[in-house]
């Protein structure tokens, strides 16, 4: 492992380069280092070890963090706009109020991460792993989540707008007070997912596995449930009168009581 770089060394390096020019910290050891509030925009941090680092309010706009280790890092209010985090490890990282607009997070590991009021506008999260992440007050507007793993993740008061979740892994996902305007759930595995009380009018679940899914008090008017597996699904209190169940497997379904 490379020698640990200190905060004072980073500040000295920044003072020695022209304003606006980033540092070359490729593969650097910055584990548990306090980098809060520093201007590191356009820096090269590919493969760097930032595990446990304090990156609160750091400016990393346009930086490269491909394959970086950010396990348990504190990224609260960090500027990560237009950053390349492809393949980075953000397990249990805190991204509260972080700004990730137009960033590349393809293949990133967000297992158990905290995303509260996090900005992800037009970010690319193809193949990202959100397993058991906690997501609150975060918008997914025009975000690319192709083949992402969202199993066991908890989404509370979150906006999904114009997002295609087709092909994503969504087992045991928990949606609470989530807005899914224009979202497509076709061809997905939603085994054990929770959609309690959600507005799902006109939403498409065609060809999806909805085994043991909870739709309690959900509004499914005009929803497309064609050719779905609804074995053991729970519809107590749900609005389903105009939903399309053509070709669906309705074994052991719990209807309105």
C-alpha atoms as a PDB file:
ATOM      1  CA  UNK A   1       0.000   0.000   0.000  1.00  0.00           C
ATOM      2  CA  UNK A   2       1.263   3.476  -0.852  1.00  0.00           C
ATOM      3  CA  UNK A   3       2.187   5.918   1.920  1.00  0.00           C
ATOM      4  CA  UNK A   4      -0.692   7.849   3.457  1.00  0.00           C
ATOM      5  CA  UNK A   5      -1.027  11.400   2.157  1.00  0.00           C
ATOM      6  CA  UNK A   6      -2.045  13.998   4.738  1.00  0.00           C
ATOM      7  CA  UNK A   7      -4.415  16.964   4.454  1.00  0.00           C
ATOM      8  CA  UNK A   8      -1.540  19.430   4.855  1.00  0.00           C
ATOM      9  CA  UNK A   9       0.329  17.783   1.974  1.00  0.00           C
ATOM     10  CA  UNK A  10      -2.768  18.082  -0.226  1.00  0.00           C
ATOM     11  CA  UNK A  11      -3.142  21.780   0.654  1.00  0.00           C
ATOM     12  CA  UNK A  12       0.550  22.397  -0.132  1.00  0.00           C
ATOM     13  CA  UNK A  13       0.183  20.651  -3.498  1.00  0.00           C
ATOM     14  CA  UNK A  14      -2.882  22.732  -4.344  1.00  0.00           C
ATOM     15  CA  UNK A  15      -1.003  25.936  -3.545  1.00  0.00           C
ATOM     16  CA  UNK A  16       1.738  24.964  -6.003  1.00  0.00           C
ATOM     17  CA  UNK A  17      -0.505  24.537  -9.083  1.00  0.00           C
ATOM     18  CA  UNK A  18      -2.481  27.063 -11.151  1.00  0.00           C
ATOM     19  CA  UNK A  19      -6.006  27.768  -9.935  1.00  0.00           C
ATOM     20  CA  UNK A  20      -8.453  25.396 -11.604  1.00  0.00           C
ATOM     21  CA  UNK A  21      -5.892  22.704 -12.327  1.00  0.00           C
ATOM     22  CA  UNK A  22      -6.476  19.390 -10.566  1.00  0.00           C
ATOM     23  CA  UNK A  23      -4.037  17.186  -8.684  1.00  0.00           C
ATOM     24  CA  UNK A  24      -2.706  13.826  -9.821  1.00  0.00           C
ATOM     25  CA  UNK A  25      -3.691  11.530  -6.966  1.00  0.00           C
ATOM     26  CA  UNK A  26      -4.030   8.383  -9.034  1.00  0.00           C
ATOM     27  CA  UNK A  27      -3.854   5.390  -6.676  1.00  0.00           C
ATOM     28  CA  UNK A  28      -3.179   7.628  -3.658  1.00  0.00           C
ATOM     29  CA  UNK A  29      -3.710   6.429  -0.097  1.00  0.00           C
ATOM     30  CA  UNK A  30      -6.131   8.908   1.480  1.00  0.00           C
ATOM     31  CA  UNK A  31      -7.912   6.523   3.832  1.00  0.00           C
ATOM     32  CA  UNK A  32      -9.597   8.317   6.754  1.00  0.00           C
ATOM     33  CA  UNK A  33      -8.029  11.657   5.726  1.00  0.00           C
ATOM     34  CA  UNK A  34      -9.983  14.885   6.318  1.00  0.00           C
ATOM     35  CA  UNK A  35     -10.401  16.512   2.888  1.00  0.00           C
ATOM     36  CA  UNK A  36     -13.503  18.488   3.796  1.00  0.00           C
ATOM     37  CA  UNK A  37     -14.060  21.746   1.941  1.00  0.00           C
ATOM     38  CA  UNK A  38     -11.052  21.379  -0.377  1.00  0.00           C
ATOM     39  CA  UNK A  39     -11.121  22.344  -4.071  1.00  0.00           C
ATOM     40  CA  UNK A  40     -10.169  19.152  -5.905  1.00  0.00           C
ATOM     41  CA  UNK A  41     -12.114  19.759  -9.123  1.00  0.00           C
ATOM     42  CA  UNK A  42     -10.705  17.995 -12.233  1.00  0.00           C
ATOM     43  CA  UNK A  43      -8.294  15.953 -10.060  1.00  0.00           C
ATOM     44  CA  UNK A  44      -7.309  12.392 -10.958  1.00  0.00           C
ATOM     45  CA  UNK A  45      -8.247  10.070  -8.086  1.00  0.00           C
ATOM     46  CA  UNK A  46      -8.641   6.888 -10.105  1.00  0.00           C
ATOM     47  CA  UNK A  47      -7.981   3.845  -7.942  1.00  0.00           C
ATOM     48  CA  UNK A  48      -7.407   6.028  -4.871  1.00  0.00           C
ATOM     49  CA  UNK A  49      -8.187   4.721  -1.389  1.00  0.00           C
ATOM     50  CA  UNK A  50     -10.639   7.196   0.162  1.00  0.00           C
ATOM     51  CA  UNK A  51     -12.241   4.744   2.540  1.00  0.00           C
ATOM     52  CA  UNK A  52     -13.504   6.467   5.658  1.00  0.00           C
ATOM     53  CA  UNK A  53     -12.356   9.844   4.328  1.00  0.00           C
ATOM     54  CA  UNK A  54     -14.146  13.059   5.286  1.00  0.00           C
ATOM     55  CA  UNK A  55     -15.191  14.616   1.971  1.00  0.00           C
ATOM     56  CA  UNK A  56     -17.845  16.931   3.379  1.00  0.00           C
ATOM     57  CA  UNK A  57     -18.425  19.906   1.053  1.00  0.00           C
ATOM     58  CA  UNK A  58     -15.394  18.960  -1.067  1.00  0.00           C
ATOM     59  CA  UNK A  59     -15.455  20.170  -4.694  1.00  0.00           C
ATOM     60  CA  UNK A  60     -14.693  17.235  -6.994  1.00  0.00           C
ATOM     61  CA  UNK A  61     -16.521  18.494 -10.084  1.00  0.00           C
ATOM     62  CA  UNK A  62     -15.224  16.900 -13.285  1.00  0.00           C
ATOM     63  CA  UNK A  63     -12.796  14.741 -11.293  1.00  0.00           C
ATOM     64  CA  UNK A  64     -11.955  11.142 -12.197  1.00  0.00           C
ATOM     65  CA  UNK A  65     -12.556   8.541  -9.476  1.00  0.00           C
ATOM     66  CA  UNK A  66     -12.726   5.410 -11.624  1.00  0.00           C
ATOM     67  CA  UNK A  67     -12.363   2.352  -9.393  1.00  0.00           C
ATOM     68  CA  UNK A  68     -11.801   4.481  -6.273  1.00  0.00           C
ATOM     69  CA  UNK A  69     -12.507   3.029  -2.830  1.00  0.00           C
ATOM     70  CA  UNK A  70     -14.971   5.293  -1.006  1.00  0.00           C
ATOM     71  CA  UNK A  71     -16.237   2.738   1.498  1.00  0.00           C
ATOM     72  CA  UNK A  72     -17.790   4.493   4.515  1.00  0.00           C
ATOM     73  CA  UNK A  73     -16.668   7.893   3.166  1.00  0.00           C
ATOM     74  CA  UNK A  74     -18.586  11.002   4.236  1.00  0.00           C
ATOM     75  CA  UNK A  75     -19.635  12.848   1.062  1.00  0.00           C
ATOM     76  CA  UNK A  76     -22.245  15.102   2.647  1.00  0.00           C
ATOM     77  CA  UNK A  77     -22.875  18.161   0.430  1.00  0.00           C
ATOM     78  CA  UNK A  78     -19.969  17.200  -1.841  1.00  0.00           C
ATOM     79  CA  UNK A  79     -19.949  18.566  -5.407  1.00  0.00           C
ATOM     80  CA  UNK A  80     -19.590  15.480  -7.605  1.00  0.00           C
ATOM     81  CA  UNK A  81     -21.138  16.941 -10.740  1.00  0.00           C
ATOM     82  CA  UNK A  82     -19.880  15.477 -14.009  1.00  0.00           C
ATOM     83  CA  UNK A  83     -17.582  13.121 -12.074  1.00  0.00           C
ATOM     84  CA  UNK A  84     -16.550   9.712 -13.439  1.00  0.00           C
ATOM     85  CA  UNK A  85     -17.075   7.180 -10.628  1.00  0.00           C
ATOM     86  CA  UNK A  86     -17.282   4.140 -12.880  1.00  0.00           C
ATOM     87  CA  UNK A  87     -16.705   0.972 -10.864  1.00  0.00           C
ATOM     88  CA  UNK A  88     -16.102   2.878  -7.610  1.00  0.00           C
ATOM     89  CA  UNK A  89     -16.906   1.314  -4.242  1.00  0.00           C
ATOM     90  CA  UNK A  90     -19.311   3.497  -2.218  1.00  0.00           C
ATOM     91  CA  UNK A  91     -20.461   0.811   0.207  1.00  0.00           C
ATOM     92  CA  UNK A  92     -22.037   2.454   3.270  1.00  0.00           C
ATOM     93  CA  UNK A  93     -20.966   5.900   2.044  1.00  0.00           C
ATOM     94  CA  UNK A  94     -22.987   8.934   3.151  1.00  0.00           C
ATOM     95  CA  UNK A  95     -24.136  10.946   0.121  1.00  0.00           C
ATOM     96  CA  UNK A  96     -26.551  13.217   1.952  1.00  0.00           C
ATOM     97  CA  UNK A  97     -27.190  16.346  -0.135  1.00  0.00           C
ATOM     98  CA  UNK A  98     -24.364  15.407  -2.505  1.00  0.00           C
ATOM     99  CA  UNK A  99     -24.589  16.811  -6.033  1.00  0.00           C
ATOM    100  CA  UNK A 100     -24.092  14.122  -8.707  1.00  0.00           C
ATOM    101  CA  UNK A 101     -25.794  15.699 -11.698  1.00  0.00           C
ATOM    102  CA  UNK A 102     -24.639  14.252 -15.061  1.00  0.00           C
ATOM    103  CA  UNK A 103     -22.097  12.002 -13.347  1.00  0.00           C
ATOM    104  CA  UNK A 104     -21.043   8.519 -14.453  1.00  0.00           C
ATOM    105  CA  UNK A 105     -21.708   5.882 -11.781  1.00  0.00           C
ATOM    106  CA  UNK A 106     -21.881   2.819 -13.998  1.00  0.00           C
ATOM    107  CA  UNK A 107     -21.136  -0.356 -12.069  1.00  0.00           C
ATOM    108  CA  UNK A 108     -20.714   1.560  -8.798  1.00  0.00           C
ATOM    109  CA  UNK A 109     -21.296  -0.291  -5.520  1.00  0.00           C
ATOM    110  CA  UNK A 110     -23.753   1.617  -3.285  1.00  0.00           C
ATOM    111  CA  UNK A 111     -24.613  -1.274  -0.979  1.00  0.00           C
ATOM    112  CA  UNK A 112     -25.970   0.132   2.276  1.00  0.00           C
ATOM    113  CA  UNK A 113     -25.227   3.713   1.198  1.00  0.00           C
ATOM    114  CA  UNK A 114     -27.242   6.705   2.430  1.00  0.00           C
ATOM    115  CA  UNK A 115     -28.730   8.965  -0.236  1.00  0.00           C
ATOM    116  CA  UNK A 116     -30.796  11.707   1.382  1.00  0.00           C
ATOM    117  CA  UNK A 117     -31.763  14.703  -0.743  1.00  0.00           C
ATOM    118  CA  UNK A 118     -29.072  13.629  -3.233  1.00  0.00           C
ATOM    119  CA  UNK A 119     -29.110  15.217  -6.709  1.00  0.00           C
ATOM    120  CA  UNK A 120     -28.817  12.624  -9.506  1.00  0.00           C
ATOM    121  CA  UNK A 121     -30.291  14.495 -12.463  1.00  0.00           C
ATOM    122  CA  UNK A 122     -29.285  12.777 -15.739  1.00  0.00           C
ATOM    123  CA  UNK A 123     -26.724  10.613 -13.947  1.00  0.00           C
ATOM    124  CA  UNK A 124     -25.841   7.219 -15.423  1.00  0.00           C
ATOM    125  CA  UNK A 125     -26.121   4.310 -12.981  1.00  0.00           C
ATOM    126  CA  UNK A 126     -26.077   1.363 -15.372  1.00  0.00           C
ATOM    127  CA  UNK A 127     -25.390  -1.859 -13.490  1.00  0.00           C
ATOM    128  CA  UNK A 128     -25.078  -0.003 -10.171  1.00  0.00           C
ATOM    129  CA  UNK A 129     -25.624  -1.976  -6.964  1.00  0.00           C
ATOM    130  CA  UNK A 130     -28.098  -0.264  -4.605  1.00  0.00           C
ATOM    131  CA  UNK A 131     -28.682  -3.329  -2.414  1.00  0.00           C
ATOM    132  CA  UNK A 132     -30.117  -2.250   0.934  1.00  0.00           C
ATOM    133  CA  UNK A 133     -29.321   1.414   0.279  1.00  0.00           C
ATOM    134  CA  UNK A 134     -31.481   3.987   2.109  1.00  0.00           C
ATOM    135  CA  UNK A 135     -32.819   6.616  -0.271  1.00  0.00           C
ATOM    136  CA  UNK A 136     -34.867   9.573   0.991  1.00  0.00           C
ATOM    137  CA  UNK A 137     -36.063  12.780  -0.699  1.00  0.00           C
ATOM    138  CA  UNK A 138     -33.934  11.991  -3.754  1.00  0.00           C
ATOM    139  CA  UNK A 139     -34.944  12.584  -7.380  1.00  0.00           C
ATOM    140  CA  UNK A 140     -34.298  10.121 -10.204  1.00  0.00           C
ATOM    141  CA  UNK A 141     -35.249  12.328 -13.140  1.00  0.00           C
ATOM    142  CA  UNK A 142     -34.153  10.871 -16.485  1.00  0.00           C
ATOM    143  CA  UNK A 143     -31.588   8.682 -14.678  1.00  0.00           C
ATOM    144  CA  UNK A 144     -30.179   5.624 -16.483  1.00  0.00           C
ATOM    145  CA  UNK A 145     -30.618   2.591 -14.195  1.00  0.00           C
ATOM    146  CA  UNK A 146     -30.289  -0.118 -16.853  1.00  0.00           C
ATOM    147  CA  UNK A 147     -29.694  -3.511 -15.184  1.00  0.00           C
ATOM    148  CA  UNK A 148     -29.136  -1.880 -11.768  1.00  0.00           C
ATOM    149  CA  UNK A 149     -29.555  -3.974  -8.619  1.00  0.00           C
ATOM    150  CA  UNK A 150     -32.021  -2.292  -6.240  1.00  0.00           C
ATOM    151  CA  UNK A 151     -32.858  -5.384  -4.197  1.00  0.00           C
ATOM    152  CA  UNK A 152     -33.724  -4.663  -0.596  1.00  0.00           C
ATOM    153  CA  UNK A 153     -33.276  -0.911  -1.057  1.00  0.00           C
ATOM    154  CA  UNK A 154     -35.618   1.419   0.854  1.00  0.00           C
ATOM    155  CA  UNK A 155     -36.991   4.433  -1.018  1.00  0.00           C
ATOM    156  CA  UNK A 156     -38.937   7.011   0.989  1.00  0.00           C
ATOM    157  CA  UNK A 157     -40.537  10.131  -0.520  1.00  0.00           C
ATOM    158  CA  UNK A 158     -38.413   9.722  -3.637  1.00  0.00           C
ATOM    159  CA  UNK A 159     -39.190  10.805  -7.194  1.00  0.00           C
ATOM    160  CA  UNK A 160     -38.725   8.437 -10.123  1.00  0.00           C
ATOM    161  CA  UNK A 161     -39.605  10.367 -13.273  1.00  0.00           C
ATOM    162  CA  UNK A 162     -39.277   8.994 -16.805  1.00  0.00           C
ATOM    163  CA  UNK A 163     -37.110   6.094 -15.610  1.00  0.00           C
ATOM    164  CA  UNK A 164     -37.105   2.648 -17.234  1.00  0.00           C
ATOM    165  CA  UNK A 165     -36.572   0.003 -14.547  1.00  0.00           C
ATOM    166  CA  UNK A 166     -37.022  -2.832 -17.023  1.00  0.00           C
ATOM    167  CA  UNK A 167     -34.386  -5.516 -16.479  1.00  0.00           C
ATOM    168  CA  UNK A 168     -33.447  -4.218 -13.018  1.00  0.00           C
ATOM    169  CA  UNK A 169     -33.237  -6.472  -9.960  1.00  0.00           C
ATOM    170  CA  UNK A 170     -35.943  -5.192  -7.628  1.00  0.00           C
ATOM    171  CA  UNK A 171     -36.526  -8.065  -5.187  1.00  0.00           C
ATOM    172  CA  UNK A 172     -37.792  -6.926  -1.777  1.00  0.00           C
ATOM    173  CA  UNK A 173     -37.531  -3.272  -2.778  1.00  0.00           C
ATOM    174  CA  UNK A 174     -39.494  -0.966  -0.482  1.00  0.00           C
ATOM    175  CA  UNK A 175     -41.294   2.026  -2.024  1.00  0.00           C
ATOM    176  CA  UNK A 176     -42.931   4.275   0.587  1.00  0.00           C
ATOM    177  CA  UNK A 177     -44.637   7.488  -0.580  1.00  0.00           C
ATOM    178  CA  UNK A 178     -42.658   7.312  -3.827  1.00  0.00           C
ATOM    179  CA  UNK A 179     -43.692   9.109  -7.032  1.00  0.00           C
ATOM    180  CA  UNK A 180     -43.145   6.849 -10.064  1.00  0.00           C
ATOM    181  CA  UNK A 181     -44.382   9.139 -12.837  1.00  0.00           C
ATOM    182  CA  UNK A 182     -43.681   7.601 -16.238  1.00  0.00           C
ATOM    183  CA  UNK A 183     -41.752   4.633 -14.761  1.00  0.00           C
ATOM    184  CA  UNK A 184     -41.780   1.260 -16.562  1.00  0.00           C
ATOM    185  CA  UNK A 185     -41.517  -1.944 -14.486  1.00  0.00           C
ATOM    186  CA  UNK A 186     -41.897  -4.422 -17.348  1.00  0.00           C
ATOM    187  CA  UNK A 187     -39.786  -7.600 -17.432  1.00  0.00           C
ATOM    188  CA  UNK A 188     -38.473  -7.174 -13.887  1.00  0.00           C
ATOM    189  CA  UNK A 189     -38.245  -9.386 -10.800  1.00  0.00           C
ATOM    190  CA  UNK A 190     -40.142  -7.614  -8.022  1.00  0.00           C
ATOM    191  CA  UNK A 191     -40.507 -10.587  -5.684  1.00  0.00           C
ATOM    192  CA  UNK A 192     -41.554  -9.382  -2.235  1.00  0.00           C
ATOM    193  CA  UNK A 193     -41.545  -5.696  -3.223  1.00  0.00           C
ATOM    194  CA  UNK A 194     -43.641  -3.200  -1.244  1.00  0.00           C
ATOM    195  CA  UNK A 195     -45.808  -0.654  -3.098  1.00  0.00           C
ATOM    196  CA  UNK A 196     -48.134   0.187  -0.229  1.00  0.00           C
ATOM    197  CA  UNK A 197     -50.343   3.226  -0.781  1.00  0.00           C
ATOM    198  CA  UNK A 198     -48.644   4.225  -4.010  1.00  0.00           C
ATOM    199  CA  UNK A 199     -50.159   5.982  -7.025  1.00  0.00           C
ATOM    200  CA  UNK A 200     -49.546   3.480  -9.859  1.00  0.00           C
ATOM    201  CA  UNK A 201     -52.264   4.465 -12.350  1.00  0.00           C
ATOM    202  CA  UNK A 202     -51.404   3.298 -15.849  1.00  0.00           C
ATOM    203  CA  UNK A 203     -48.073   1.815 -14.747  1.00  0.00           C
ATOM    204  CA  UNK A 204     -46.800  -1.152 -16.744  1.00  0.00           C
ATOM    205  CA  UNK A 205     -45.697  -4.327 -14.938  1.00  0.00           C
ATOM    206  CA  UNK A 206     -46.109  -6.530 -18.008  1.00  0.00           C
ATOM    207  CA  UNK A 207     -44.207  -9.858 -17.964  1.00  0.00           C
ATOM    208  CA  UNK A 208     -42.834  -9.184 -14.460  1.00  0.00           C
ATOM    209  CA  UNK A 209     -42.505 -11.466 -11.447  1.00  0.00           C
ATOM    210  CA  UNK A 210     -44.725  -9.964  -8.732  1.00  0.00           C
ATOM    211  CA  UNK A 211     -44.715 -12.927  -6.354  1.00  0.00           C
ATOM    212  CA  UNK A 212     -45.719 -11.890  -2.818  1.00  0.00           C
ATOM    213  CA  UNK A 213     -45.752  -8.211  -3.772  1.00  0.00           C
ATOM    214  CA  UNK A 214     -47.627  -5.850  -1.438  1.00  0.00           C
ATOM    215  CA  UNK A 215     -50.065  -3.505  -3.217  1.00  0.00           C
ATOM    216  CA  UNK A 216     -52.040  -2.607  -0.080  1.00  0.00           C
ATOM    217  CA  UNK A 217     -54.023   0.629  -0.622  1.00  0.00           C
ATOM    218  CA  UNK A 218     -52.247   1.241  -3.955  1.00  0.00           C
ATOM    219  CA  UNK A 219     -54.018   2.917  -6.877  1.00  0.00           C
ATOM    220  CA  UNK A 220     -53.636   0.495  -9.809  1.00  0.00           C
ATOM    221  CA  UNK A 221     -56.360   1.903 -12.029  1.00  0.00           C
ATOM    222  CA  UNK A 222     -55.575   1.142 -15.681  1.00  0.00           C
ATOM    223  CA  UNK A 223     -52.296  -0.545 -14.675  1.00  0.00           C
ATOM    224  CA  UNK A 224     -50.864  -3.111 -17.088  1.00  0.00           C
ATOM    225  CA  UNK A 225     -50.451  -6.423 -15.229  1.00  0.00           C
ATOM    226  CA  UNK A 226     -50.586  -8.628 -18.307  1.00  0.00           C
ATOM    227  CA  UNK A 227     -48.697 -11.945 -18.147  1.00  0.00           C
ATOM    228  CA  UNK A 228     -47.386 -11.260 -14.645  1.00  0.00           C
ATOM    229  CA  UNK A 229     -46.776 -13.771 -11.866  1.00  0.00           C
ATOM    230  CA  UNK A 230     -48.909 -12.484  -8.988  1.00  0.00           C
ATOM    231  CA  UNK A 231     -48.701 -15.572  -6.802  1.00  0.00           C
ATOM    232  CA  UNK A 232     -49.403 -14.571  -3.206  1.00  0.00           C
ATOM    233  CA  UNK A 233     -49.698 -10.852  -4.049  1.00  0.00           C
ATOM    234  CA  UNK A 234     -51.688  -8.716  -1.617  1.00  0.00           C
ATOM    235  CA  UNK A 235     -54.268  -6.233  -2.974  1.00  0.00           C
ATOM    236  CA  UNK A 236     -56.144  -5.371   0.210  1.00  0.00           C
ATOM    237  CA  UNK A 237     -57.650  -1.886  -0.130  1.00  0.00           C
ATOM    238  CA  UNK A 238     -56.147  -1.385  -3.612  1.00  0.00           C
ATOM    239  CA  UNK A 239     -57.953   0.211  -6.578  1.00  0.00           C
ATOM    240  CA  UNK A 240     -57.825  -2.548  -9.215  1.00  0.00           C
ATOM    241  CA  UNK A 241     -61.186  -2.408 -11.047  1.00  0.00           C
ATOM    242  CA  UNK A 242     -59.748  -1.135 -14.346  1.00  0.00           C
ATOM    243  CA  UNK A 243     -56.372  -2.908 -14.144  1.00  0.00           C
ATOM    244  CA  UNK A 244     -55.534  -5.416 -16.894  1.00  0.00           C
ATOM    245  CA  UNK A 245     -54.798  -8.903 -15.485  1.00  0.00           C
ATOM    246  CA  UNK A 246     -54.874 -10.723 -18.841  1.00  0.00           C
ATOM    247  CA  UNK A 247     -52.696 -13.852 -18.716  1.00  0.00           C
ATOM    248  CA  UNK A 248     -51.596 -13.211 -15.108  1.00  0.00           C
ATOM    249  CA  UNK A 249     -50.978 -16.037 -12.617  1.00  0.00           C
ATOM    250  CA  UNK A 250     -53.348 -15.212  -9.745  1.00  0.00           C
ATOM    251  CA  UNK A 251     -52.688 -18.193  -7.486  1.00  0.00           C
ATOM    252  CA  UNK A 252     -53.179 -17.466  -3.771  1.00  0.00           C
ATOM    253  CA  UNK A 253     -53.774 -13.751  -4.411  1.00  0.00           C
ATOM    254  CA  UNK A 254     -55.264 -11.806  -1.500  1.00  0.00           C
ATOM    255  CA  UNK A 255     -57.952  -9.517  -2.903  1.00  0.00           C
ATOM    256  CA  UNK A 256     -59.926  -6.682  -1.331  1.00  0.00           C
ATOM    257  CA  UNK A 257     -61.492  -7.695   1.955  1.00  0.00           C
END
